[in-house]
Amino acid sequence: MLNFVDKLWGGGWKLSNRITKLETGVDGIQSEIKKLVEAIGKIADMRGDIRVLDQRILTAEQDIRELRHGDGFVRNRVPSEPGVNREY
């Protein structure tokens, strides 16, 4: 009888200890997942910033191409008046 009671109480304590360890492990995993989510969010923000910079660079390159061809300079509306009219 004493052996049965000892097993019953002892087994309960071991189970309780194992559940506590499992809960601690799950809590650690949850905190690591939160850190990963934050890091992924920062990476997504950086990707958005990089896309904006790429678009600005492409726009600047297009503007430079247009200027090389004389487009984009200030011109007179009347062609007979002197002005920059496709001259560098």
Protein backbone atom coordinates (compact mmCIF):
# COMPACT_ATOMS: atom_id res chain seq x y z
CA MET A 1 0.00 0.00 0.00
CA LEU A 2 2.80 2.41 0.87
CA ASN A 3 4.46 1.67 -2.47
CA PHE A 4 1.21 2.54 -4.29
CA VAL A 5 0.79 5.87 -2.44
CA ASP A 6 4.44 6.73 -3.04
CA LYS A 7 4.09 6.02 -6.76
CA LEU A 8 0.87 8.03 -6.91
CA TRP A 9 2.28 11.13 -5.21
CA GLY A 10 5.75 10.77 -6.65
CA GLY A 11 4.42 10.27 -10.15
CA GLY A 12 2.23 13.35 -9.79
CA TRP A 13 5.20 15.43 -8.73
CA LYS A 14 7.27 14.19 -11.67
CA LEU A 15 4.42 14.93 -14.05
CA SER A 16 4.00 18.39 -12.58
CA ASN A 17 7.72 19.02 -12.97
CA ARG A 18 7.63 17.86 -16.59
CA ILE A 19 4.63 20.08 -17.37
CA THR A 20 6.42 23.06 -15.80
CA LYS A 21 9.50 22.39 -17.94
CA LEU A 22 7.30 22.06 -21.03
CA GLU A 23 5.54 25.36 -20.27
CA THR A 24 8.92 27.05 -19.80
CA GLY A 25 10.08 25.67 -23.14
CA VAL A 26 6.93 26.85 -24.90
CA ASP A 27 7.31 30.32 -23.38
CA GLY A 28 10.89 30.46 -24.69
CA ILE A 29 9.75 29.39 -28.14
CA GLN A 30 7.02 32.06 -28.13
CA SER A 31 9.51 34.79 -27.25
CA GLU A 32 11.84 33.64 -30.04
CA ILE A 33 8.95 33.64 -32.52
CA LYS A 34 8.10 37.21 -31.47
CA LYS A 35 11.71 38.22 -32.14
CA LEU A 36 11.57 36.57 -35.57
CA VAL A 37 8.33 38.39 -36.41
CA GLU A 38 9.92 41.71 -35.45
CA ALA A 39 12.99 40.94 -37.56
CA ILE A 40 10.84 39.98 -40.55
CA GLY A 41 8.90 43.22 -40.14
CA LYS A 42 12.13 45.22 -40.18
CA ILE A 43 13.29 43.35 -43.28
CA ALA A 44 9.99 44.13 -45.01
CA ASP A 45 10.39 47.81 -44.12
CA MET A 46 13.93 47.80 -45.52
CA ARG A 47 12.68 46.16 -48.73
CA GLY A 48 10.10 48.92 -49.09
CA ASP A 49 12.77 51.57 -48.56
CA ILE A 50 15.02 49.89 -51.12
CA ARG A 51 12.16 49.84 -53.66
CA VAL A 52 11.58 53.56 -53.12
CA LEU A 53 15.30 54.27 -53.60
CA ASP A 54 15.40 52.12 -56.75
CA GLN A 55 12.43 54.01 -58.17
CA ARG A 56 14.08 57.35 -57.40
CA ILE A 57 17.31 56.23 -59.06
CA LEU A 58 15.44 55.04 -62.15
CA THR A 59 13.59 58.36 -62.34
CA ALA A 60 16.86 60.30 -62.00
CA GLU A 61 18.47 58.18 -64.74
CA GLN A 62 15.52 58.81 -67.04
CA ASP A 63 15.73 62.56 -66.36
CA ILE A 64 19.45 62.52 -67.20
CA ARG A 65 18.74 60.64 -70.45
CA GLU A 66 16.12 63.19 -71.39
CA LEU A 67 18.48 66.07 -70.64
CA ARG A 68 21.17 64.48 -72.81
CA HIS A 69 18.70 64.57 -75.69
CA GLY A 70 17.71 68.16 -74.94
CA ASP A 71 14.33 67.28 -73.47
CA GLY A 72 13.47 68.97 -70.23
CA PHE A 73 15.29 72.24 -70.84
CA VAL A 74 13.31 75.43 -70.46
CA ARG A 75 12.33 76.62 -73.92
CA ASN A 76 10.53 79.60 -75.25
CA ARG A 77 7.00 78.93 -76.35
CA VAL A 78 7.53 80.93 -79.51
CA PRO A 79 10.21 79.31 -81.69
CA SER A 80 11.24 82.61 -83.28
CA GLU A 81 12.44 84.07 -79.98
CA PRO A 82 15.94 83.22 -78.80
CA GLY A 83 16.24 80.54 -76.19
CA VAL A 84 17.73 77.18 -75.38
CA ASN A 85 15.64 75.19 -77.94
CA ARG A 86 17.52 71.85 -77.82
CA GLU A 87 20.95 73.41 -77.43
CA TYR A 88 23.34 72.57 -74.62
